[in-house]
Each structure stands twice: as C-alpha cells, then as structure tokens.
Protein backbone atom coordinates (compact mmCIF):
# COMPACT_ATOMS: atom_id res chain seq x y z
CA UNK A 1 3.30 3.06 -48.58
CA UNK A 2 -0.22 4.35 -47.75
CA UNK A 3 -0.48 6.27 -44.52
CA UNK A 4 -2.94 3.80 -43.05
CA UNK A 5 -0.74 0.74 -43.66
CA UNK A 6 1.38 -0.24 -40.61
CA UNK A 7 5.11 -0.22 -41.25
CA UNK A 8 7.34 -3.30 -40.80
CA UNK A 9 8.68 -1.75 -37.59
CA UNK A 10 5.18 -1.42 -36.16
CA UNK A 11 4.49 -5.03 -37.14
CA UNK A 12 7.60 -6.08 -35.20
CA UNK A 13 6.40 -4.14 -32.16
CA UNK A 14 3.01 -5.82 -32.45
CA UNK A 15 4.65 -9.26 -32.48
CA UNK A 16 6.68 -8.29 -29.41
CA UNK A 17 3.46 -7.23 -27.74
CA UNK A 18 1.83 -10.63 -28.29
CA UNK A 19 4.98 -12.44 -27.13
CA UNK A 20 4.86 -10.41 -23.91
CA UNK A 21 1.26 -11.53 -23.45
CA UNK A 22 2.41 -15.13 -23.86
CA UNK A 23 5.00 -14.67 -21.10
CA UNK A 24 2.35 -13.17 -18.83
CA UNK A 25 0.00 -16.12 -19.46
CA UNK A 26 2.77 -18.61 -18.60
CA UNK A 27 3.64 -16.81 -15.36
CA UNK A 28 -0.02 -16.54 -14.32
CA UNK A 29 -0.60 -20.21 -15.15
CA UNK A 30 2.29 -21.19 -12.89
CA UNK A 31 0.96 -18.95 -10.11
CA UNK A 32 -2.55 -20.35 -10.33
CA UNK A 33 -1.17 -23.89 -10.35
CA UNK A 34 0.80 -23.03 -7.21
CA UNK A 35 -2.30 -21.61 -5.53
CA UNK A 36 -4.35 -24.68 -6.37
CA UNK A 37 -1.66 -26.92 -4.89
CA UNK A 38 -2.81 -25.87 -1.40
CA UNK A 39 -5.72 -27.79 0.04
CA UNK A 40 -8.25 -25.69 1.92
CA UNK A 41 -8.97 -27.04 5.40
CA UNK A 42 -12.51 -27.95 6.32
CA UNK A 43 -14.34 -25.77 8.80
CA UNK A 44 -14.73 -27.72 12.04
CA UNK A 45 -17.73 -25.68 13.10
CA UNK A 46 -21.13 -27.12 12.29
CA UNK A 47 -23.17 -25.26 9.64
CA UNK A 48 -25.26 -22.44 11.08
CA UNK A 49 -28.40 -20.73 9.74
CA UNK A 50 -28.60 -23.23 6.90
CA UNK A 51 -32.17 -22.08 6.23
CA UNK A 52 -30.82 -18.63 5.26
CA UNK A 53 -27.38 -19.18 3.75
CA UNK A 54 -24.67 -21.75 3.10
CA UNK A 55 -21.11 -22.00 1.81
CA UNK A 56 -22.09 -21.78 -1.86
CA UNK A 57 -24.32 -18.73 -1.45
CA UNK A 58 -21.68 -17.05 0.68
CA UNK A 59 -19.03 -17.68 -1.98
CA UNK A 60 -21.20 -16.24 -4.79
CA UNK A 61 -22.09 -13.19 -2.74
CA UNK A 62 -18.47 -12.60 -1.73
CA UNK A 63 -17.25 -12.93 -5.31
CA UNK A 64 -19.74 -10.30 -6.50
CA UNK A 65 -18.94 -7.97 -3.60
CA UNK A 66 -16.88 -5.61 -5.75
CA UNK A 67 -20.00 -4.88 -7.84
CA UNK A 68 -22.09 -4.00 -4.76
CA UNK A 69 -20.81 -0.75 -3.27
CA UNK A 70 -23.79 -0.66 -0.91
CA UNK A 71 -22.52 -3.86 0.75
CA UNK A 72 -19.31 -2.31 2.10
CA UNK A 73 -19.25 0.53 4.60
CA UNK A 74 -16.20 2.18 3.01
CA UNK A 75 -17.95 2.54 -0.36
CA UNK A 76 -21.47 2.96 0.98
CA UNK A 77 -20.39 6.12 2.80
CA UNK A 78 -18.03 7.23 0.05
CA UNK A 79 -19.76 6.42 -3.22
CA UNK A 80 -17.68 9.02 -5.09
CA UNK A 81 -14.53 7.10 -4.14
CA UNK A 82 -16.11 3.89 -5.45
CA UNK A 83 -16.88 5.63 -8.74
CA UNK A 84 -13.22 6.63 -9.11
CA UNK A 85 -12.29 2.99 -8.44
CA UNK A 86 -14.76 1.76 -11.07
CA UNK A 87 -13.77 4.33 -13.72
CA UNK A 88 -10.06 3.74 -13.12
CA UNK A 89 -10.41 0.01 -13.70
CA UNK A 90 -12.71 0.52 -16.68
CA UNK A 91 -9.97 2.74 -18.06
CA UNK A 92 -7.56 -0.18 -17.69
CA UNK A 93 -9.98 -2.36 -19.65
CA UNK A 94 -10.26 0.33 -22.33
CA UNK A 95 -6.48 0.63 -22.51
CA UNK A 96 -5.99 -3.10 -22.87
CA UNK A 97 -8.70 -3.24 -25.53
CA UNK A 98 -7.00 -0.39 -27.41
CA UNK A 99 -3.64 -2.15 -27.31
CA UNK A 100 -4.89 -5.45 -28.71
CA UNK A 101 -7.49 -4.09 -31.12
CA UNK A 102 -4.90 -1.75 -32.63
CA UNK A 103 -2.94 -4.83 -33.73
CA UNK A 104 -5.82 -6.83 -35.23
CA UNK A 105 -8.77 -4.49 -35.87
CA UNK A 106 -7.51 -0.94 -36.24
CA UNK A 107 -10.47 0.25 -38.41
CA UNK A 108 -12.85 -0.81 -35.62
CA UNK A 109 -11.20 1.75 -33.33
CA UNK A 110 -12.27 4.52 -35.72
CA UNK A 111 -15.97 3.83 -35.20
CA UNK A 112 -17.44 6.96 -33.50
CA UNK A 113 -19.04 5.03 -30.61
CA UNK A 114 -15.96 2.91 -30.00
CA UNK A 115 -13.53 5.82 -30.15
CA UNK A 116 -15.72 8.01 -27.93
CA UNK A 117 -16.02 5.23 -25.33
CA UNK A 118 -12.31 4.48 -25.27
CA UNK A 119 -11.32 8.15 -25.15
CA UNK A 120 -13.87 8.92 -22.44
CA UNK A 121 -12.69 6.09 -20.21
CA UNK A 122 -9.01 6.85 -20.80
CA UNK A 123 -9.51 10.56 -20.02
CA UNK A 124 -11.37 9.68 -16.82
CA UNK A 125 -8.73 7.14 -15.77
CA UNK A 126 -5.93 9.62 -16.52
CA UNK A 127 -7.56 12.29 -14.34
CA UNK A 128 -8.12 9.78 -11.54
CA UNK A 129 -4.50 8.63 -11.88
CA UNK A 130 -3.30 12.20 -11.33
CA UNK A 131 -5.58 12.44 -8.29
CA UNK A 132 -4.20 9.18 -6.88
CA UNK A 133 -0.61 10.34 -7.35
CA UNK A 134 -1.37 13.55 -5.46
CA UNK A 135 -3.21 11.57 -2.77
CA UNK A 136 -0.22 9.35 -2.15
CA UNK A 137 2.16 12.27 -2.08
CA UNK A 138 0.11 14.62 0.11
CA UNK A 139 -1.85 12.46 2.56
CA UNK A 140 0.32 11.35 5.54
CA UNK A 141 -1.61 8.08 5.95
CA UNK A 142 -1.15 7.17 2.28
CA UNK A 143 2.55 8.08 2.40
CA UNK A 144 2.96 5.80 5.42
CA UNK A 145 1.54 2.70 3.70
CA UNK A 146 2.90 3.35 0.18
CA UNK A 147 5.87 1.41 -1.18
CA UNK A 148 8.17 2.29 -4.10
CA UNK A 149 6.19 -0.21 -6.19
CA UNK A 150 2.99 1.73 -5.44
CA UNK A 151 4.47 5.00 -6.67
CA UNK A 152 6.08 3.41 -9.72
CA UNK A 153 2.90 1.56 -10.69
CA UNK A 154 0.53 4.51 -10.41
CA UNK A 155 2.89 6.87 -12.27
CA UNK A 156 3.43 4.36 -15.07
CA UNK A 157 -0.29 3.57 -15.33
CA UNK A 158 -1.18 7.25 -15.51
CA UNK A 159 1.45 7.76 -18.22
CA UNK A 160 0.03 4.72 -20.02
CA UNK A 161 -3.47 6.25 -20.00
CA UNK A 162 -2.14 9.50 -21.43
CA UNK A 163 -0.20 7.72 -24.18
CA UNK A 164 -3.32 5.67 -24.92
CA UNK A 165 -5.29 8.87 -25.45
CA UNK A 166 -2.69 10.12 -27.92
CA UNK A 167 -2.65 6.73 -29.66
CA UNK A 168 -6.43 6.63 -30.12
CA UNK A 169 -6.43 10.22 -31.39
CA UNK A 170 -3.68 9.37 -33.88
CA UNK A 171 -5.66 6.33 -35.10
CA UNK A 172 -8.75 8.48 -35.61
CA UNK A 173 -6.95 11.31 -37.40
CA UNK A 174 -4.44 9.13 -39.33
CA UNK A 175 -2.16 12.18 -39.34
CA UNK A 176 0.19 11.69 -36.38
CA UNK A 177 2.12 8.73 -37.75
CA UNK A 178 2.95 5.57 -35.84
CA UNK A 179 5.05 7.04 -33.04
CA UNK A 180 2.30 7.05 -30.42
CA UNK A 181 1.13 3.54 -31.34
CA UNK A 182 4.69 2.19 -31.14
CA UNK A 183 5.29 3.85 -27.78
CA UNK A 184 1.96 2.64 -26.44
CA UNK A 185 2.50 -0.98 -27.50
CA UNK A 186 6.02 -0.98 -26.07
CA UNK A 187 4.77 0.38 -22.74
CA UNK A 188 1.93 -2.15 -22.75
CA UNK A 189 4.44 -4.93 -23.43
CA UNK A 190 6.49 -3.73 -20.48
CA UNK A 191 3.40 -3.89 -18.26
CA UNK A 192 2.58 -7.40 -19.46
CA UNK A 193 6.04 -8.49 -18.28
CA UNK A 194 6.10 -6.36 -15.13
CA UNK A 195 2.60 -6.83 -13.71
CA UNK A 196 2.89 -10.54 -12.79
CA UNK A 197 5.81 -9.67 -10.50
CA UNK A 198 4.31 -6.49 -9.00
CA UNK A 199 1.54 -5.57 -6.57
CA UNK A 200 -0.74 -4.90 -9.55
CA UNK A 201 -1.20 -8.67 -9.81
CA UNK A 202 -3.47 -8.54 -6.74
CA UNK A 203 -6.47 -9.01 -9.03
CA UNK A 204 -5.25 -12.55 -9.75
CA UNK A 205 -5.90 -13.50 -6.13
CA UNK A 206 -9.27 -11.77 -5.85
CA UNK A 207 -11.48 -14.74 -6.87
CA UNK A 208 -9.54 -17.16 -4.67
CA UNK A 209 -9.64 -15.02 -1.53
CA UNK A 210 -13.25 -13.93 -1.98
CA UNK A 211 -14.52 -17.47 -2.62
CA UNK A 212 -12.63 -18.84 0.39
CA UNK A 213 -13.88 -16.05 2.64
CA UNK A 214 -17.45 -16.34 1.38
CA UNK A 215 -17.51 -20.13 1.75
CA UNK A 216 -16.21 -19.94 5.32
CA UNK A 217 -18.59 -17.21 6.48
CA UNK A 218 -21.50 -18.70 4.56
CA UNK A 219 -20.89 -22.06 6.24
CA UNK A 220 -20.99 -20.30 9.60
CA UNK A 221 -24.27 -18.61 8.65
CA UNK A 222 -23.00 -15.03 8.89
CA UNK A 223 -22.70 -14.15 5.18
CA UNK A 224 -24.43 -12.52 3.36
CA UNK A 225 -25.04 -10.16 6.21
CA UNK A 226 -28.54 -9.69 7.52
CA UNK A 227 -29.77 -6.09 7.52
CA UNK A 228 -31.04 -4.98 10.89
C-alpha cells in the first residue's frame, strides 16, 4: 500500500471521530433546547437614554465584547494577557481544523501556507498552555479557584496541541507513519465526548449570557458605556 494511503485502521479511527462529533452535536442540541425553554422576564424599568442606545444595540455590543479588548479594563490594562487568550483559542480552532481536514482533505494540509499557519498557531497555543499550567500551579490565587476539571482540561489541551504539531509534521513529511494521526484523532474524539460535560463547554453559553446582559443594560441606557 502506498505510504500516503490511509490504512483501514486509520479509516476506522476517522469514522469513530465523526461519530464522536455526532454525539457532541446531540448533547449540545439538548442543552440549547433546555436553555431556550426558559422565558426571559421583561425589564420593569422604563427604557432610558433611548436616543443613545437600546436593547438591540446593547445586545450586539455585548456579543462582540470578546473582540474588543479595549472595552474591558482587565484586557485594556493587560493586552499581553488578551493576546495569549486570543492565540490559545485560535490554536483550538487550528487543532479542530487539523483533525477534520486530515480525514477529508489531507493534501490540503500540505500546502505551505496552510501548514505554516496551523503549525504556528499550534506552537503558540502549546507554549501558552504550558504557561497556564505553571500559572495554576504556582499562583496562590489561581490554585484557590482551580478545580480538578481545570487542571485536567488544561493538561489534556496542552498535550493535544503538542500531538497536533507532531501530526501536522508527519502529514507534511509523509515519513512518520500514521501513529501520530491515530493518536491525535483518538484524543480529539475523547474531547468531543468529554467537553459537553466539562467546564470547557462554557463557550456554549457565551452568546446567551452576553445577549441577555446586553439587552438588559441597553434597555436601561447604560450599555454601551459612554466614555468620559
């Protein structure tokens, strides 16, 4: 069999990977349905500053808040920390893209621009993951608020980034065999099953909480904030 042709075992792992995605979609669908079963109460306060803002504008602004580091004091004064946040999550996107593209478009991952982008983001995310592990272990405040799930998640994610780097390098070189790809897809499948039941699933609630907060504060005329 040619070296570039996936083996039957790798095909089986790829099928398992897509089945795990299906389970994740079902669990998330049930969670979203549960969230939407709650009816938001109406704000009893009359609208304020309607000439400047309203519930809709507040909701849009709140939803885009994560893309505006200048809008939050914690990131405005610590832009380097925001960059680590952004690169870490871009690394997650790169890792997910690698996992799924490796099953349906492996030659695309060998394109110089694509491979350089994925490797760069995975390297950055891996380094930030190591920093976050050390931060949780060494900073008393972080140790106080960290749970076993926090430690497990960050260690597994950091390991996942590292295995993703090895997988992309093996796809480029075509010399390392399928071991890294198999390990990476199995670990990704584990995450697809684990994430919906862990704290990592916080991103699922982000749009709901931000829209609700933005609508409420926009209705009251206090959001977006007015610069003094």
